[in-house]
Amino acid sequence: MNMQKRKLGNSALEVSALGLGCMGMSYAYGPAPDKKEMISLIQAAIERGINFFDTAEVYGPFTNEELVGEALAPFRNKVVIATKFGFKPAADGKWSGLDSRPAHIKEVVDASLKRLKTDVIDLLYQHRVDPDIPIEEVAGTVKDLIQQGKVKYFGLSEAGADTIRKAHAVQPVTALQSEYSLWWRTPEENIIPTLEELGIGFVPFSPLGRGFLTGKIDENTAFDSADFRNTLPRFSPEARKANQALIELIGIIAKSKSATPAQIALAWLLAQKPWIVPIPGTTKLSRLEENIGAVSIELTPEDLQEINNAASRITIQGNRYPEQLSKLVGK
């Protein structure tokens, strides 16, 4: 099939309508899968028209960039690589706070370039806003890196509207990466209008609600002890039970379209704005193909209205993040 392309905001950066989030191939959802299999999966995505790949130094830490670099090296001129700076990696594989000091950003970029086996990062995000470093300094540092040819485009992740404006005034922001899906719609309040006004693209992560919107998870699902979802209030058994109402709704619409719930959740995101590019992650070829199928699903204005009406009657239970992680977002 022909993968559609989308432009991230007013920039010249054109990417496949769906990207591939690579984090789970190394980290966060239980034991890391086999590296050779993950390289094959990334290359299978390229064969199917995906050209936009998302990683970060803290995934692993470091191992995910190495994996992505190795997988993409033979196709480097055909793909867009996004990575991120902004955490202080610690020796035990946990990050230990934020660090967006200009000197640190430059060190991270040089190290990322080596791991990614490339001489330029297509899209460089600040992973979380660092309250100790003025965002203008961060944007200015990335501007320098763009002038040096080490980076092409600048992005922010989980930033609030004021931060986006301040950064954009120094170095145009090409994309904001934040969580957005049928069960996390807070960006609609002031983030999406801000992006629209400034001409910035939106790259939703966890577009399938960390797997919940696929309909494959209920209150009895047990996660691996290393799975990060064990720490999320929204994944408590009680919340999962309460939130099934949303899954039932998506399931009904999916049946009417001969689609899967995951495909409807992705098609819904794609239908919100032409400059939205979700980055679902997966470690399975069958899921990759299922996700790609979402691009050809047409949701009519009536379908979207039906989804909105039904979704507005469902109260999603459980916070998105535990308290210490919540403090890092929307700054």
Protein backbone atom coordinates (compact mmCIF):
# COMPACT_ATOMS: atom_id res chain seq x y z
CA MET A 1 0.00 0.00 0.00
CA ASN A 2 1.05 3.60 -0.47
CA MET A 3 1.86 5.22 2.85
CA GLN A 4 0.51 8.76 3.02
CA LYS A 5 2.91 11.57 3.92
CA ARG A 6 2.31 14.49 6.26
CA LYS A 7 4.16 17.74 6.92
CA LEU A 8 4.98 18.61 10.51
CA GLY A 9 3.38 22.04 10.81
CA ASN A 10 4.73 24.77 8.54
CA SER A 11 8.15 23.14 8.32
CA ALA A 12 9.62 21.40 5.32
CA LEU A 13 9.85 18.17 7.31
CA GLU A 14 7.66 15.60 5.59
CA VAL A 15 7.21 12.19 7.19
CA SER A 16 5.01 9.11 6.86
CA ALA A 17 1.53 9.63 8.37
CA LEU A 18 2.50 7.15 11.09
CA GLY A 19 5.93 6.96 12.68
CA LEU A 20 7.36 4.12 14.74
CA GLY A 21 8.07 4.61 18.42
CA CYS A 22 11.08 2.43 19.21
CA MET A 23 11.32 2.77 23.02
CA GLY A 24 9.60 -0.53 23.82
CA MET A 25 12.13 -2.42 21.71
CA SER A 26 14.71 -1.84 24.46
CA TYR A 27 12.96 -0.65 27.55
CA ALA A 28 9.92 0.02 29.76
CA TYR A 29 7.53 -2.82 28.90
CA GLY A 30 9.26 -5.83 30.47
CA PRO A 31 12.37 -7.71 29.25
CA ALA A 32 13.89 -6.31 26.06
CA PRO A 33 13.15 -8.39 22.95
CA ASP A 34 15.86 -9.92 20.77
CA LYS A 35 17.91 -7.22 19.03
CA LYS A 36 18.09 -9.00 15.64
CA GLU A 37 14.31 -9.38 15.62
CA MET A 38 13.87 -5.68 16.41
CA ILE A 39 16.24 -4.68 13.59
CA SER A 40 14.14 -6.82 11.23
CA LEU A 41 10.98 -5.15 12.53
CA ILE A 42 12.35 -1.63 11.95
CA GLN A 43 13.41 -2.63 8.44
CA ALA A 44 9.97 -4.18 7.82
CA ALA A 45 8.46 -0.81 8.75
CA ILE A 46 10.65 0.91 6.12
CA GLU A 47 9.53 -1.63 3.48
CA ARG A 48 5.93 -0.73 4.35
CA GLY A 49 6.47 3.00 3.89
CA ILE A 50 7.23 4.21 7.43
CA ASN A 51 10.14 6.64 7.38
CA PHE A 52 9.90 8.33 10.81
CA PHE A 53 11.60 6.65 13.78
CA ASP A 54 11.58 7.82 17.38
CA THR A 55 14.23 7.10 20.02
CA ALA A 56 16.02 8.83 22.92
CA GLU A 57 19.29 8.50 24.80
CA VAL A 58 17.49 7.47 28.01
CA TYR A 59 15.73 4.51 26.39
CA GLY A 60 17.82 1.69 27.70
CA PRO A 61 19.70 4.01 28.46
CA PHE A 62 21.66 4.24 25.21
CA THR A 63 20.81 0.77 23.83
CA ASN A 64 17.75 1.98 21.90
CA GLU A 65 19.71 4.60 19.93
CA GLU A 66 22.30 1.93 19.10
CA LEU A 67 19.57 -0.43 17.89
CA VAL A 68 17.88 2.26 15.78
CA GLY A 69 21.23 3.41 14.37
CA GLU A 70 22.17 -0.10 13.31
CA ALA A 71 18.76 -0.83 11.78
CA LEU A 72 18.57 2.45 9.84
CA ALA A 73 22.19 2.74 8.66
CA PRO A 74 21.57 1.05 5.27
CA PHE A 75 18.57 3.35 4.65
CA ARG A 76 19.88 6.57 6.19
CA ASN A 77 18.99 8.89 3.28
CA LYS A 78 15.39 7.58 3.19
CA VAL A 79 14.50 7.98 6.87
CA VAL A 80 13.89 10.67 9.48
CA ILE A 81 15.43 10.00 12.90
CA ALA A 82 14.12 11.75 15.99
CA THR A 83 15.95 11.59 19.32
CA LYS A 84 15.93 13.53 22.59
CA PHE A 85 18.09 15.14 25.26
CA GLY A 86 17.28 16.50 28.68
CA PHE A 87 17.72 13.82 31.32
CA LYS A 88 20.69 13.08 33.55
CA PRO A 89 21.35 9.40 32.90
CA ALA A 90 22.53 7.52 35.99
CA ALA A 91 24.68 4.40 36.12
CA ASP A 92 21.91 2.01 37.22
CA GLY A 93 19.82 2.60 34.11
CA LYS A 94 17.46 4.98 35.92
CA TRP A 95 17.54 8.66 35.07
CA SER A 96 18.15 10.97 37.99
CA GLY A 97 16.55 14.27 37.13
CA LEU A 98 16.72 16.81 34.32
CA ASP A 99 19.71 18.46 32.66
CA SER A 100 19.26 20.86 29.75
CA ARG A 101 22.39 22.93 30.36
CA PRO A 102 23.79 23.98 26.97
CA ALA A 103 27.08 22.13 27.53
CA HIS A 104 25.21 18.95 28.38
CA ILE A 105 22.96 19.24 25.30
CA LYS A 106 26.05 19.45 23.09
CA GLU A 107 27.64 16.39 24.75
CA VAL A 108 24.44 14.37 24.37
CA VAL A 109 24.13 15.28 20.69
CA ASP A 110 27.70 14.21 19.94
CA ALA A 111 27.15 10.90 21.76
CA SER A 112 23.78 10.34 20.05
CA LEU A 113 25.29 10.95 16.61
CA LYS A 114 27.83 8.15 17.26
CA ARG A 115 25.23 5.72 18.57
CA LEU A 116 22.89 6.51 15.67
CA LYS A 117 25.76 6.04 13.18
CA THR A 118 24.94 9.32 11.47
CA ASP A 119 26.31 12.83 11.06
CA VAL A 120 22.98 14.61 11.54
CA ILE A 121 19.89 14.23 13.76
CA ASP A 122 16.78 15.06 11.74
CA LEU A 123 14.60 16.08 14.69
CA LEU A 124 16.02 16.82 18.14
CA TYR A 125 13.57 17.12 21.03
CA GLN A 126 14.04 18.43 24.52
CA HIS A 127 12.66 15.38 26.35
CA ARG A 128 11.21 17.29 29.32
CA VAL A 129 11.26 20.99 30.15
CA ASP A 130 14.06 21.76 32.65
CA PRO A 131 12.74 24.42 35.07
CA ASP A 132 16.34 25.43 35.95
CA ILE A 133 17.36 26.41 32.42
CA PRO A 134 15.51 29.17 30.53
CA ILE A 135 13.91 27.63 27.46
CA GLU A 136 15.39 30.47 25.36
CA GLU A 137 18.88 29.13 26.21
CA VAL A 138 17.85 25.62 25.23
CA ALA A 139 16.38 26.84 21.94
CA GLY A 140 19.50 28.95 21.31
CA THR A 141 21.74 25.91 21.87
CA VAL A 142 19.73 23.84 19.40
CA LYS A 143 19.85 26.76 16.96
CA ASP A 144 23.68 26.62 17.19
CA LEU A 145 23.62 22.87 16.57
CA ILE A 146 21.40 23.42 13.52
CA GLN A 147 23.86 26.04 12.20
CA GLN A 148 26.71 23.56 12.75
CA GLY A 149 24.83 20.98 10.67
CA LYS A 150 24.49 18.44 13.50
CA VAL A 151 20.70 18.85 13.77
CA LYS A 152 18.03 19.73 11.19
CA TYR A 153 14.87 20.46 13.22
CA PHE A 154 13.98 21.33 16.82
CA GLY A 155 11.20 19.76 18.88
CA LEU A 156 9.79 19.87 22.40
CA SER A 157 8.18 17.09 24.41
CA GLU A 158 5.44 17.47 27.03
CA ALA A 159 5.94 21.26 27.08
CA GLY A 160 3.22 23.74 28.06
CA ALA A 161 1.91 26.48 25.75
CA ASP A 162 4.03 29.31 27.26
CA THR A 163 7.23 27.29 26.90
CA ILE A 164 6.37 26.45 23.29
CA ARG A 165 5.88 30.15 22.48
CA LYS A 166 9.13 31.24 24.14
CA ALA A 167 11.17 28.52 22.44
CA HIS A 168 9.56 29.13 19.03
CA ALA A 169 10.54 32.83 19.17
CA VAL A 170 14.24 31.85 19.38
CA GLN A 171 14.34 28.79 17.09
CA PRO A 172 11.22 27.65 15.23
CA VAL A 173 9.79 24.52 16.83
CA THR A 174 8.94 21.91 14.20
CA ALA A 175 7.08 19.44 16.40
CA LEU A 176 5.71 18.89 19.86
CA GLN A 177 5.71 15.30 21.09
CA SER A 178 3.24 14.65 23.90
CA GLU A 179 0.73 12.04 24.91
CA TYR A 180 -2.59 12.32 23.07
CA SER A 181 -5.21 9.68 22.43
CA LEU A 182 -8.88 8.93 22.93
CA TRP A 183 -8.15 8.45 26.62
CA TRP A 184 -5.87 11.46 27.12
CA ARG A 185 -7.44 14.49 25.45
CA THR A 186 -6.05 17.31 27.61
CA PRO A 187 -3.94 18.68 24.69
CA GLU A 188 -7.20 19.79 23.03
CA GLU A 189 -7.64 22.49 25.66
CA ASN A 190 -4.72 24.79 24.84
CA ILE A 191 -1.86 22.82 23.29
CA ILE A 192 -3.47 22.02 19.93
CA PRO A 193 -4.76 25.60 19.42
CA THR A 194 -1.24 26.92 20.21
CA LEU A 195 0.37 24.50 17.73
CA GLU A 196 -2.18 25.43 15.08
CA GLU A 197 -1.55 29.15 15.57
CA LEU A 198 2.25 28.78 15.39
CA GLY A 199 2.34 26.17 12.61
CA ILE A 200 3.93 23.41 14.69
CA GLY A 201 3.35 19.69 14.05
CA PHE A 202 2.09 17.32 16.74
CA VAL A 203 3.59 13.86 17.31
CA PRO A 204 1.39 11.96 19.79
CA PHE A 205 3.10 9.20 21.75
CA SER A 206 1.11 6.39 23.40
CA PRO A 207 -1.62 6.91 20.77
CA LEU A 208 -3.02 3.51 21.80
CA GLY A 209 -3.03 4.40 25.50
CA ARG A 210 0.06 2.24 26.19
CA GLY A 211 -1.83 -0.71 24.74
CA PHE A 212 -5.13 -0.17 26.53
CA LEU A 213 -7.01 1.07 23.45
CA THR A 214 -6.26 -2.16 21.56
CA GLY A 215 -8.90 -3.89 23.69
CA LYS A 216 -6.39 -6.57 24.70
CA ILE A 217 -6.04 -5.43 28.34
CA ASP A 218 -8.62 -5.79 31.13
CA GLU A 219 -8.62 -5.74 34.93
CA ASN A 220 -7.23 -9.29 35.02
CA THR A 221 -4.21 -8.64 32.77
CA ALA A 222 -0.92 -9.20 34.60
CA PHE A 223 2.13 -7.19 33.48
CA ASP A 224 5.75 -8.30 33.78
CA SER A 225 7.42 -7.07 36.99
CA ALA A 226 9.70 -4.84 34.89
CA ASP A 227 6.73 -3.25 33.09
CA PHE A 228 6.44 0.48 33.68
CA ARG A 229 2.63 0.28 33.53
CA ASN A 230 2.61 -1.25 37.03
CA THR A 231 3.42 2.24 38.37
CA LEU A 232 0.65 4.09 36.51
CA PRO A 233 -2.57 4.88 38.43
CA ARG A 234 -4.56 4.53 35.21
CA PHE A 235 -3.46 0.88 35.02
CA SER A 236 -4.69 -0.11 38.48
CA PRO A 237 -7.16 -3.04 38.15
CA GLU A 238 -10.04 -0.79 39.32
CA ALA A 239 -9.24 1.88 36.73
CA ARG A 240 -8.86 -0.72 33.98
CA LYS A 241 -12.28 -2.10 34.85
CA ALA A 242 -13.88 1.36 34.83
CA ASN A 243 -12.18 2.35 31.58
CA GLN A 244 -13.48 -0.67 29.63
CA ALA A 245 -16.50 1.45 28.65
CA LEU A 246 -14.28 3.38 26.24
CA ILE A 247 -12.97 0.14 24.74
CA GLU A 248 -16.51 -1.12 24.21
CA LEU A 249 -17.38 2.07 22.35
CA ILE A 250 -14.31 1.84 20.10
CA GLY A 251 -15.09 -1.85 19.50
CA ILE A 252 -18.57 -1.06 18.19
CA ILE A 253 -17.22 1.49 15.71
CA ALA A 254 -14.40 -0.89 14.73
CA LYS A 255 -16.93 -3.62 13.82
CA SER A 256 -18.89 -1.21 11.63
CA LYS A 257 -15.68 -0.37 9.71
CA SER A 258 -14.31 -3.96 9.60
CA ALA A 259 -11.35 -2.61 11.57
CA THR A 260 -9.72 -3.30 14.92
CA PRO A 261 -10.05 -1.05 17.99
CA ALA A 262 -6.38 -0.04 17.60
CA GLN A 263 -7.00 1.04 14.01
CA ILE A 264 -9.99 3.17 15.04
CA ALA A 265 -7.97 4.83 17.83
CA LEU A 266 -5.20 5.72 15.36
CA ALA A 267 -7.59 6.77 12.59
CA TRP A 268 -9.33 9.05 15.11
CA LEU A 269 -6.02 10.80 15.86
CA LEU A 270 -5.13 11.13 12.17
CA ALA A 271 -8.56 12.69 11.53
CA GLN A 272 -8.09 15.43 14.15
CA LYS A 273 -5.56 17.54 12.17
CA PRO A 274 -3.55 17.02 8.96
CA TRP A 275 -0.32 17.83 10.87
CA ILE A 276 -0.70 15.11 13.52
CA VAL A 277 1.66 12.12 13.16
CA PRO A 278 1.16 9.44 15.82
CA ILE A 279 4.09 7.17 16.73
CA PRO A 280 2.68 3.88 18.01
CA GLY A 281 5.34 1.49 19.25
CA THR A 282 5.30 -2.27 18.89
CA THR A 283 7.62 -5.25 19.01
CA LYS A 284 5.45 -7.43 16.73
CA LEU A 285 5.16 -7.43 12.95
CA SER A 286 1.44 -8.28 13.08
CA ARG A 287 0.78 -5.19 15.23
CA LEU A 288 2.91 -3.01 12.96
CA GLU A 289 0.79 -4.11 9.98
CA GLU A 290 -2.42 -3.59 11.95
CA ASN A 291 -1.32 -0.05 12.89
CA ILE A 292 -0.41 0.80 9.29
CA GLY A 293 -3.91 -0.32 8.26
CA ALA A 294 -5.29 2.63 10.24
CA VAL A 295 -3.98 5.08 7.64
CA SER A 296 -6.49 3.93 5.04
CA ILE A 297 -9.54 4.03 7.35
CA GLU A 298 -11.82 6.96 6.60
CA LEU A 299 -13.77 8.24 9.57
CA THR A 300 -16.60 10.49 8.41
CA PRO A 301 -17.59 13.65 10.30
CA GLU A 302 -20.57 11.58 11.53
CA ASP A 303 -18.26 8.84 12.83
CA LEU A 304 -16.12 11.42 14.62
CA GLN A 305 -19.19 13.06 16.12
CA GLU A 306 -20.45 9.67 17.33
CA ILE A 307 -17.08 8.89 18.92
CA ASN A 308 -16.98 12.31 20.59
CA ASN A 309 -20.55 12.10 21.88
CA ALA A 310 -20.03 8.65 23.34
CA ALA A 311 -16.55 9.41 24.69
CA SER A 312 -17.81 12.55 26.42
CA ARG A 313 -20.16 10.41 28.52
CA ILE A 314 -17.29 8.23 29.79
CA THR A 315 -15.13 9.48 32.65
CA ILE A 316 -11.64 8.01 32.37
CA GLN A 317 -10.41 6.92 35.78
CA GLY A 318 -6.89 7.11 37.19
CA ASN A 319 -4.14 9.68 36.70
CA ARG A 320 -1.90 9.39 33.66
CA TYR A 321 1.30 9.35 35.73
CA PRO A 322 2.26 8.87 39.38
CA GLU A 323 2.87 12.14 41.20
CA GLN A 324 6.62 12.54 40.66
CA LEU A 325 6.29 12.05 36.88
CA SER A 326 3.26 14.36 36.70
CA LYS A 327 5.45 17.17 37.99
CA LEU A 328 7.60 17.00 34.84
CA VAL A 329 4.90 17.60 32.27
CA GLY A 330 3.07 20.60 30.85
CA LYS A 331 5.65 23.16 32.05
